[in-house]
Amino acid sequence: MPRYLVERTFQDGLAIPMTADGAKACRTIVDTNTKQDVTWVHSYVTTDKTTTFCIYDAPSPEAIRAAADNNGIPVDRITEVRVLDPYFYV
């Protein structure tokens, strides 16, 4: 399955609390993604919480966009990526 970097902008900042409500919000996103065969691997969030860089496994960029639409979250850019491990060369 291809892997993608998904860049998103949250104008008002991303607000997922570190509570049961936050966990429920993440679980809802994960469950909704499965309808498109999309797996959220992990994300990086800027310190001001306005931009995220998310790693996804998915069959296509279109599947990621459909899952994002279903979750009501933005997508700025989707880039297919591969792993480059610097320790591979040691």
PDB file of N, CA and C in Angstrom:
ATOM      1  N   MET A   1       0.856  -1.178   0.000  1.00  0.00           N
ATOM      2  CA  MET A   1       0.000   0.000   0.000  1.00  0.00           C
ATOM      3  C   MET A   1       0.899   1.237   0.000  1.00  0.00           C
ATOM      4  N   PRO A   2       0.614   2.198  -0.855  1.00  0.00           N
ATOM      5  CA  PRO A   2       1.411   3.422  -0.885  1.00  0.00           C
ATOM      6  C   PRO A   2       1.298   4.221   0.413  1.00  0.00           C
ATOM      7  N   ARG A   3       2.329   4.979   0.687  1.00  0.00           N
ATOM      8  CA  ARG A   3       2.360   5.854   1.869  1.00  0.00           C
ATOM      9  C   ARG A   3       2.377   7.307   1.384  1.00  0.00           C
ATOM     10  N   TYR A   4       1.673   8.172   2.134  1.00  0.00           N
ATOM     11  CA  TYR A   4       1.530   9.568   1.732  1.00  0.00           C
ATOM     12  C   TYR A   4       1.784  10.510   2.907  1.00  0.00           C
ATOM     13  N   LEU A   5       2.315  11.685   2.579  1.00  0.00           N
ATOM     14  CA  LEU A   5       2.412  12.801   3.512  1.00  0.00           C
ATOM     15  C   LEU A   5       1.276  13.748   3.155  1.00  0.00           C
ATOM     16  N   VAL A   6       0.424  14.045   4.132  1.00  0.00           N
ATOM     17  CA  VAL A   6      -0.725  14.920   3.915  1.00  0.00           C
ATOM     18  C   VAL A   6      -0.515  16.185   4.736  1.00  0.00           C
ATOM     19  N   GLU A   7      -0.483  17.308   4.052  1.00  0.00           N
ATOM     20  CA  GLU A   7      -0.319  18.602   4.720  1.00  0.00           C
ATOM     21  C   GLU A   7      -1.692  19.252   4.871  1.00  0.00           C
ATOM     22  N   ARG A   8      -1.945  19.787   6.067  1.00  0.00           N
ATOM     23  CA  ARG A   8      -3.227  20.424   6.361  1.00  0.00           C
ATOM     24  C   ARG A   8      -2.994  21.741   7.083  1.00  0.00           C
ATOM     25  N   THR A   9      -3.874  22.704   6.816  1.00  0.00           N
ATOM     26  CA  THR A   9      -3.848  23.977   7.532  1.00  0.00           C
ATOM     27  C   THR A   9      -5.147  24.130   8.306  1.00  0.00           C
ATOM     28  N   PHE A  10      -5.014  24.434   9.582  1.00  0.00           N
ATOM     29  CA  PHE A  10      -6.153  24.703  10.460  1.00  0.00           C
ATOM     30  C   PHE A  10      -6.056  26.170  10.860  1.00  0.00           C
ATOM     31  N   GLN A  11      -6.823  27.019  10.210  1.00  0.00           N
ATOM     32  CA  GLN A  11      -6.730  28.467  10.412  1.00  0.00           C
ATOM     33  C   GLN A  11      -6.853  28.868  11.889  1.00  0.00           C
ATOM     34  N   ASP A  12      -7.751  28.213  12.609  1.00  0.00           N
ATOM     35  CA  ASP A  12      -7.971  28.530  14.023  1.00  0.00           C
ATOM     36  C   ASP A  12      -7.176  27.627  14.954  1.00  0.00           C
ATOM     37  N   GLY A  13      -6.323  26.794  14.395  1.00  0.00           N
ATOM     38  CA  GLY A  13      -5.535  25.866  15.196  1.00  0.00           C
ATOM     39  C   GLY A  13      -6.252  24.548  15.407  1.00  0.00           C
ATOM     40  N   LEU A  14      -5.493  23.500  15.491  1.00  0.00           N
ATOM     41  CA  LEU A  14      -6.023  22.165  15.745  1.00  0.00           C
ATOM     42  C   LEU A  14      -6.274  22.019  17.236  1.00  0.00           C
ATOM     43  N   ALA A  15      -7.467  21.609  17.592  1.00  0.00           N
ATOM     44  CA  ALA A  15      -7.824  21.494  19.009  1.00  0.00           C
ATOM     45  C   ALA A  15      -8.342  20.097  19.307  1.00  0.00           C
ATOM     46  N   ILE A  16      -7.427  19.188  19.595  1.00  0.00           N
ATOM     47  CA  ILE A  16      -7.809  17.853  20.053  1.00  0.00           C
ATOM     48  C   ILE A  16      -7.320  17.755  21.494  1.00  0.00           C
ATOM     49  N   PRO A  17      -8.234  17.807  22.450  1.00  0.00           N
ATOM     50  CA  PRO A  17      -7.810  17.798  23.859  1.00  0.00           C
ATOM     51  C   PRO A  17      -7.208  16.447  24.266  1.00  0.00           C
ATOM     52  N   MET A  18      -6.349  16.485  25.250  1.00  0.00           N
ATOM     53  CA  MET A  18      -5.730  15.274  25.798  1.00  0.00           C
ATOM     54  C   MET A  18      -6.659  14.680  26.861  1.00  0.00           C
ATOM     55  N   THR A  19      -7.871  14.358  26.422  1.00  0.00           N
ATOM     56  CA  THR A  19      -8.903  13.837  27.310  1.00  0.00           C
ATOM     57  C   THR A  19      -9.622  12.699  26.602  1.00  0.00           C
ATOM     58  N   ALA A  20     -10.603  12.150  27.273  1.00  0.00           N
ATOM     59  CA  ALA A  20     -11.430  11.110  26.654  1.00  0.00           C
ATOM     60  C   ALA A  20     -12.133  11.650  25.412  1.00  0.00           C
ATOM     61  N   ASP A  21     -12.509  12.918  25.421  1.00  0.00           N
ATOM     62  CA  ASP A  21     -13.143  13.516  24.241  1.00  0.00           C
ATOM     63  C   ASP A  21     -12.175  13.564  23.059  1.00  0.00           C
ATOM     64  N   GLY A  22     -10.919  13.877  23.325  1.00  0.00           N
ATOM     65  CA  GLY A  22      -9.904  13.887  22.278  1.00  0.00           C
ATOM     66  C   GLY A  22      -9.673  12.493  21.711  1.00  0.00           C
ATOM     67  N   ALA A  23      -9.617  11.508  22.606  1.00  0.00           N
ATOM     68  CA  ALA A  23      -9.444  10.124  22.171  1.00  0.00           C
ATOM     69  C   ALA A  23     -10.624   9.681  21.313  1.00  0.00           C
ATOM     70  N   LYS A  24     -11.818  10.088  21.708  1.00  0.00           N
ATOM     71  CA  LYS A  24     -13.018   9.745  20.934  1.00  0.00           C
ATOM     72  C   LYS A  24     -12.979  10.397  19.556  1.00  0.00           C
ATOM     73  N   ALA A  25     -12.530  11.644  19.485  1.00  0.00           N
ATOM     74  CA  ALA A  25     -12.425  12.346  18.203  1.00  0.00           C
ATOM     75  C   ALA A  25     -11.455  11.631  17.267  1.00  0.00           C
ATOM     76  N   CYS A  26     -10.317  11.206  17.800  1.00  0.00           N
ATOM     77  CA  CYS A  26      -9.337  10.479  16.990  1.00  0.00           C
ATOM     78  C   CYS A  26      -9.892   9.136  16.542  1.00  0.00           C
ATOM     79  N   ARG A  27     -10.581   8.445  17.430  1.00  0.00           N
ATOM     80  CA  ARG A  27     -11.165   7.145  17.094  1.00  0.00           C
ATOM     81  C   ARG A  27     -12.201   7.289  15.984  1.00  0.00           C
ATOM     82  N   THR A  28     -12.978   8.353  16.030  1.00  0.00           N
ATOM     83  CA  THR A  28     -13.976   8.604  14.988  1.00  0.00           C
ATOM     84  C   THR A  28     -13.305   8.802  13.635  1.00  0.00           C
ATOM     85  N   ILE A  29     -12.204   9.560  13.615  1.00  0.00           N
ATOM     86  CA  ILE A  29     -11.464   9.761  12.371  1.00  0.00           C
ATOM     87  C   ILE A  29     -10.933   8.436  11.849  1.00  0.00           C
ATOM     88  N   VAL A  30     -10.318   7.650  12.720  1.00  0.00           N
ATOM     89  CA  VAL A  30      -9.770   6.348  12.323  1.00  0.00           C
ATOM     90  C   VAL A  30     -10.869   5.453  11.761  1.00  0.00           C
ATOM     91  N   ASP A  31     -12.011   5.395  12.447  1.00  0.00           N
ATOM     92  CA  ASP A  31     -13.118   4.548  11.992  1.00  0.00           C
ATOM     93  C   ASP A  31     -13.668   5.013  10.646  1.00  0.00           C
ATOM     94  N   THR A  32     -13.792   6.313  10.464  1.00  0.00           N
ATOM     95  CA  THR A  32     -14.295   6.852   9.201  1.00  0.00           C
ATOM     96  C   THR A  32     -13.313   6.574   8.069  1.00  0.00           C
ATOM     97  N   ASN A  33     -12.020   6.661   8.352  1.00  0.00           N
ATOM     98  CA  ASN A  33     -11.001   6.392   7.326  1.00  0.00           C
ATOM     99  C   ASN A  33     -11.096   4.975   6.780  1.00  0.00           C
ATOM    100  N   THR A  34     -11.462   4.021   7.617  1.00  0.00           N
ATOM    101  CA  THR A  34     -11.483   2.622   7.173  1.00  0.00           C
ATOM    102  C   THR A  34     -12.466   2.397   6.030  1.00  0.00           C
ATOM    103  N   LYS A  35     -13.476   3.240   5.918  1.00  0.00           N
ATOM    104  CA  LYS A  35     -14.449   3.105   4.828  1.00  0.00           C
ATOM    105  C   LYS A  35     -13.797   3.340   3.470  1.00  0.00           C
ATOM    106  N   GLN A  36     -12.662   4.046   3.459  1.00  0.00           N
ATOM    107  CA  GLN A  36     -11.914   4.314   2.222  1.00  0.00           C
ATOM    108  C   GLN A  36     -10.618   3.495   2.166  1.00  0.00           C
ATOM    109  N   ASP A  37     -10.430   2.553   3.107  1.00  0.00           N
ATOM    110  CA  ASP A  37      -9.204   1.754   3.215  1.00  0.00           C
ATOM    111  C   ASP A  37      -7.984   2.647   3.469  1.00  0.00           C
ATOM    112  N   VAL A  38      -8.190   3.696   4.275  1.00  0.00           N
ATOM    113  CA  VAL A  38      -7.152   4.667   4.609  1.00  0.00           C
ATOM    114  C   VAL A  38      -6.731   4.453   6.065  1.00  0.00           C
ATOM    115  N   THR A  39      -5.418   4.426   6.311  1.00  0.00           N
ATOM    116  CA  THR A  39      -4.886   4.257   7.659  1.00  0.00           C
ATOM    117  C   THR A  39      -4.053   5.468   8.044  1.00  0.00           C
ATOM    118  N   TRP A  40      -4.437   6.128   9.138  1.00  0.00           N
ATOM    119  CA  TRP A  40      -3.686   7.248   9.707  1.00  0.00           C
ATOM    120  C   TRP A  40      -2.567   6.642  10.535  1.00  0.00           C
ATOM    121  N   VAL A  41      -1.318   6.850  10.142  1.00  0.00           N
ATOM    122  CA  VAL A  41      -0.174   6.268  10.825  1.00  0.00           C
ATOM    123  C   VAL A  41       0.240   7.146  12.003  1.00  0.00           C
ATOM    124  N   HIS A  42       0.513   8.424  11.740  1.00  0.00           N
ATOM    125  CA  HIS A  42       0.818   9.405  12.780  1.00  0.00           C
ATOM    126  C   HIS A  42       0.895  10.789  12.161  1.00  0.00           C
ATOM    127  N   SER A  43       0.996  11.795  13.017  1.00  0.00           N
ATOM    128  CA  SER A  43       1.036  13.181  12.537  1.00  0.00           C
ATOM    129  C   SER A  43       2.058  13.990  13.315  1.00  0.00           C
ATOM    130  N   TYR A  44       2.522  15.043  12.670  1.00  0.00           N
ATOM    131  CA  TYR A  44       3.359  16.061  13.292  1.00  0.00           C
ATOM    132  C   TYR A  44       2.567  17.361  13.266  1.00  0.00           C
ATOM    133  N   VAL A  45       2.613  18.111  14.347  1.00  0.00           N
ATOM    134  CA  VAL A  45       1.852  19.350  14.472  1.00  0.00           C
ATOM    135  C   VAL A  45       2.826  20.480  14.792  1.00  0.00           C
ATOM    136  N   THR A  46       2.686  21.596  14.084  1.00  0.00           N
ATOM    137  CA  THR A  46       3.538  22.745  14.381  1.00  0.00           C
ATOM    138  C   THR A  46       3.200  23.290  15.762  1.00  0.00           C
ATOM    139  N   THR A  47       4.131  24.010  16.353  1.00  0.00           N
ATOM    140  CA  THR A  47       3.940  24.495  17.723  1.00  0.00           C
ATOM    141  C   THR A  47       2.756  25.442  17.856  1.00  0.00           C
ATOM    142  N   ASP A  48       2.405  26.145  16.786  1.00  0.00           N
ATOM    143  CA  ASP A  48       1.231  27.029  16.851  1.00  0.00           C
ATOM    144  C   ASP A  48      -0.074  26.293  16.524  1.00  0.00           C
ATOM    145  N   LYS A  49       0.037  25.007  16.235  1.00  0.00           N
ATOM    146  CA  LYS A  49      -1.098  24.110  15.975  1.00  0.00           C
ATOM    147  C   LYS A  49      -1.928  24.493  14.746  1.00  0.00           C
ATOM    148  N   THR A  50      -1.324  25.224  13.807  1.00  0.00           N
ATOM    149  CA  THR A  50      -2.066  25.598  12.603  1.00  0.00           C
ATOM    150  C   THR A  50      -1.778  24.705  11.406  1.00  0.00           C
ATOM    151  N   THR A  51      -0.694  23.936  11.482  1.00  0.00           N
ATOM    152  CA  THR A  51      -0.325  23.070  10.367  1.00  0.00           C
ATOM    153  C   THR A  51      -0.008  21.675  10.878  1.00  0.00           C
ATOM    154  N   THR A  52      -0.504  20.672  10.133  1.00  0.00           N
ATOM    155  CA  THR A  52      -0.153  19.291  10.454  1.00  0.00           C
ATOM    156  C   THR A  52       0.461  18.632   9.227  1.00  0.00           C
ATOM    157  N   PHE A  53       1.338  17.684   9.496  1.00  0.00           N
ATOM    158  CA  PHE A  53       1.958  16.847   8.481  1.00  0.00           C
ATOM    159  C   PHE A  53       1.657  15.415   8.908  1.00  0.00           C
ATOM    160  N   CYS A  54       0.778  14.777   8.167  1.00  0.00           N
ATOM    161  CA  CYS A  54       0.246  13.474   8.573  1.00  0.00           C
ATOM    162  C   CYS A  54       0.722  12.381   7.625  1.00  0.00           C
ATOM    163  N   ILE A  55       1.086  11.254   8.196  1.00  0.00           N
ATOM    164  CA  ILE A  55       1.492  10.100   7.411  1.00  0.00           C
ATOM    165  C   ILE A  55       0.302   9.146   7.320  1.00  0.00           C
ATOM    166  N   TYR A  56      -0.009   8.759   6.086  1.00  0.00           N
ATOM    167  CA  TYR A  56      -1.133   7.862   5.820  1.00  0.00           C
ATOM    168  C   TYR A  56      -0.708   6.743   4.891  1.00  0.00           C
ATOM    169  N   ASP A  57      -1.290   5.574   5.098  1.00  0.00           N
ATOM    170  CA  ASP A  57      -1.247   4.491   4.124  1.00  0.00           C
ATOM    171  C   ASP A  57      -2.619   4.465   3.476  1.00  0.00           C
ATOM    172  N   ALA A  58      -2.638   4.444   2.129  1.00  0.00           N
ATOM    173  CA  ALA A  58      -3.915   4.503   1.422  1.00  0.00           C
ATOM    174  C   ALA A  58      -3.740   3.988   0.001  1.00  0.00           C
ATOM    175  N   PRO A  59      -4.829   3.546  -0.603  1.00  0.00           N
ATOM    176  CA  PRO A  59      -4.715   3.071  -1.986  1.00  0.00           C
ATOM    177  C   PRO A  59      -4.462   4.189  -2.991  1.00  0.00           C
ATOM    178  N   SER A  60      -4.845   5.435  -2.653  1.00  0.00           N
ATOM    179  CA  SER A  60      -4.685   6.536  -3.603  1.00  0.00           C
ATOM    180  C   SER A  60      -4.898   7.876  -2.899  1.00  0.00           C
ATOM    181  N   PRO A  61      -4.431   8.964  -3.522  1.00  0.00           N
ATOM    182  CA  PRO A  61      -4.732  10.289  -2.978  1.00  0.00           C
ATOM    183  C   PRO A  61      -6.239  10.565  -2.938  1.00  0.00           C
ATOM    184  N   GLU A  62      -6.968  10.048  -3.914  1.00  0.00           N
ATOM    185  CA  GLU A  62      -8.414  10.246  -3.945  1.00  0.00           C
ATOM    186  C   GLU A  62      -9.093   9.631  -2.721  1.00  0.00           C
ATOM    187  N   ALA A  63      -8.601   8.472  -2.279  1.00  0.00           N
ATOM    188  CA  ALA A  63      -9.156   7.834  -1.085  1.00  0.00           C
ATOM    189  C   ALA A  63      -8.901   8.705   0.152  1.00  0.00           C
ATOM    190  N   ILE A  64      -7.722   9.312   0.223  1.00  0.00           N
ATOM    191  CA  ILE A  64      -7.405  10.206   1.348  1.00  0.00           C
ATOM    192  C   ILE A  64      -8.322  11.421   1.326  1.00  0.00           C
ATOM    193  N   ARG A  65      -8.516  12.002   0.152  1.00  0.00           N
ATOM    194  CA  ARG A  65      -9.404  13.170   0.045  1.00  0.00           C
ATOM    195  C   ARG A  65     -10.836  12.814   0.432  1.00  0.00           C
ATOM    196  N   ALA A  66     -11.316  11.645   0.004  1.00  0.00           N
ATOM    197  CA  ALA A  66     -12.673  11.219   0.353  1.00  0.00           C
ATOM    198  C   ALA A  66     -12.808  11.025   1.856  1.00  0.00           C
ATOM    199  N   ALA A  67     -11.807  10.406   2.484  1.00  0.00           N
ATOM    200  CA  ALA A  67     -11.844  10.207   3.936  1.00  0.00           C
ATOM    201  C   ALA A  67     -11.818  11.550   4.659  1.00  0.00           C
ATOM    202  N   ALA A  68     -10.980  12.474   4.186  1.00  0.00           N
ATOM    203  CA  ALA A  68     -10.913  13.799   4.800  1.00  0.00           C
ATOM    204  C   ALA A  68     -12.251  14.520   4.675  1.00  0.00           C
ATOM    205  N   ASP A  69     -12.868  14.443   3.503  1.00  0.00           N
ATOM    206  CA  ASP A  69     -14.191  15.062   3.317  1.00  0.00           C
ATOM    207  C   ASP A  69     -15.194  14.473   4.295  1.00  0.00           C
ATOM    208  N   ASN A  70     -15.179  13.151   4.436  1.00  0.00           N
ATOM    209  CA  ASN A  70     -16.107  12.486   5.358  1.00  0.00           C
ATOM    210  C   ASN A  70     -15.857  12.881   6.807  1.00  0.00           C
ATOM    211  N   ASN A  71     -14.598  13.194   7.131  1.00  0.00           N
ATOM    212  CA  ASN A  71     -14.246  13.612   8.488  1.00  0.00           C
ATOM    213  C   ASN A  71     -14.357  15.118   8.695  1.00  0.00           C
ATOM    214  N   GLY A  72     -14.576  15.864   7.620  1.00  0.00           N
ATOM    215  CA  GLY A  72     -14.678  17.315   7.731  1.00  0.00           C
ATOM    216  C   GLY A  72     -13.362  17.994   8.064  1.00  0.00           C
ATOM    217  N   ILE A  73     -12.250  17.431   7.562  1.00  0.00           N
ATOM    218  CA  ILE A  73     -10.945  18.025   7.821  1.00  0.00           C
ATOM    219  C   ILE A  73     -10.294  18.429   6.496  1.00  0.00           C
ATOM    220  N   PRO A  74      -9.468  19.480   6.522  1.00  0.00           N
ATOM    221  CA  PRO A  74      -8.893  19.999   5.279  1.00  0.00           C
ATOM    222  C   PRO A  74      -7.744  19.146   4.747  1.00  0.00           C
ATOM    223  N   VAL A  75      -7.473  19.307   3.469  1.00  0.00           N
ATOM    224  CA  VAL A  75      -6.296  18.736   2.821  1.00  0.00           C
ATOM    225  C   VAL A  75      -5.703  19.819   1.940  1.00  0.00           C
ATOM    226  N   ASP A  76      -4.447  20.182   2.190  1.00  0.00           N
ATOM    227  CA  ASP A  76      -3.766  21.167   1.348  1.00  0.00           C
ATOM    228  C   ASP A  76      -2.967  20.495   0.236  1.00  0.00           C
ATOM    229  N   ARG A  77      -2.248  19.450   0.612  1.00  0.00           N
ATOM    230  CA  ARG A  77      -1.390  18.775  -0.349  1.00  0.00           C
ATOM    231  C   ARG A  77      -1.202  17.325   0.066  1.00  0.00           C
ATOM    232  N   ILE A  78      -1.125  16.444  -0.927  1.00  0.00           N
ATOM    233  CA  ILE A  78      -0.850  15.026  -0.703  1.00  0.00           C
ATOM    234  C   ILE A  78       0.351  14.660  -1.557  1.00  0.00           C
ATOM    235  N   THR A  79       1.367  14.081  -0.917  1.00  0.00           N
ATOM    236  CA  THR A  79       2.588  13.693  -1.606  1.00  0.00           C
ATOM    237  C   THR A  79       2.895  12.238  -1.294  1.00  0.00           C
ATOM    238  N   GLU A  80       3.068  11.420  -2.319  1.00  0.00           N
ATOM    239  CA  GLU A  80       3.484  10.038  -2.075  1.00  0.00           C
ATOM    240  C   GLU A  80       4.944  10.054  -1.620  1.00  0.00           C
ATOM    241  N   VAL A  81       5.256   9.283  -0.587  1.00  0.00           N
ATOM    242  CA  VAL A  81       6.597   9.267  -0.010  1.00  0.00           C
ATOM    243  C   VAL A  81       7.108   7.844   0.173  1.00  0.00           C
ATOM    244  N   ARG A  82       8.408   7.742   0.343  1.00  0.00           N
ATOM    245  CA  ARG A  82       9.084   6.495   0.668  1.00  0.00           C
ATOM    246  C   ARG A  82       9.962   6.755   1.886  1.00  0.00           C
ATOM    247  N   VAL A  83      10.297   5.713   2.601  1.00  0.00           N
ATOM    248  CA  VAL A  83      11.154   5.844   3.779  1.00  0.00           C
ATOM    249  C   VAL A  83      12.606   5.952   3.336  1.00  0.00           C
ATOM    250  N   LEU A  84      13.303   6.911   3.921  1.00  0.00           N
ATOM    251  CA  LEU A  84      14.751   7.034   3.765  1.00  0.00           C
ATOM    252  C   LEU A  84      15.316   6.984   5.186  1.00  0.00           C
ATOM    253  N   ASP A  85      15.945   5.887   5.501  1.00  0.00           N
ATOM    254  CA  ASP A  85      16.500   5.689   6.841  1.00  0.00           C
ATOM    255  C   ASP A  85      17.992   5.943   6.793  1.00  0.00           C
ATOM    256  N   PRO A  86      18.475   6.983   7.492  1.00  0.00           N
ATOM    257  CA  PRO A  86      19.914   7.285   7.416  1.00  0.00           C
ATOM    258  C   PRO A  86      20.778   6.173   7.977  1.00  0.00           C
ATOM    259  N   TYR A  87      20.248   5.334   8.830  1.00  0.00           N
ATOM    260  CA  TYR A  87      21.031   4.253   9.419  1.00  0.00           C
ATOM    261  C   TYR A  87      21.196   3.077   8.476  1.00  0.00           C
ATOM    262  N   PHE A  88      20.434   3.095   7.361  1.00  0.00           N
ATOM    263  CA  PHE A  88      20.579   2.057   6.342  1.00  0.00           C
ATOM    264  C   PHE A  88      21.994   2.071   5.768  1.00  0.00           C
ATOM    265  N   TYR A  89      22.598   3.262   5.693  1.00  0.00           N
ATOM    266  CA  TYR A  89      23.894   3.425   5.058  1.00  0.00           C
ATOM    267  C   TYR A  89      25.079   3.200   5.986  1.00  0.00           C
ATOM    268  N   VAL A  90      24.814   2.924   7.241  1.00  0.00           N
ATOM    269  CA  VAL A  90      25.897   2.733   8.208  1.00  0.00           C
ATOM    270  C   VAL A  90      26.450   1.336   8.118  1.00  0.00           C
TER     271      VAL A  90
END
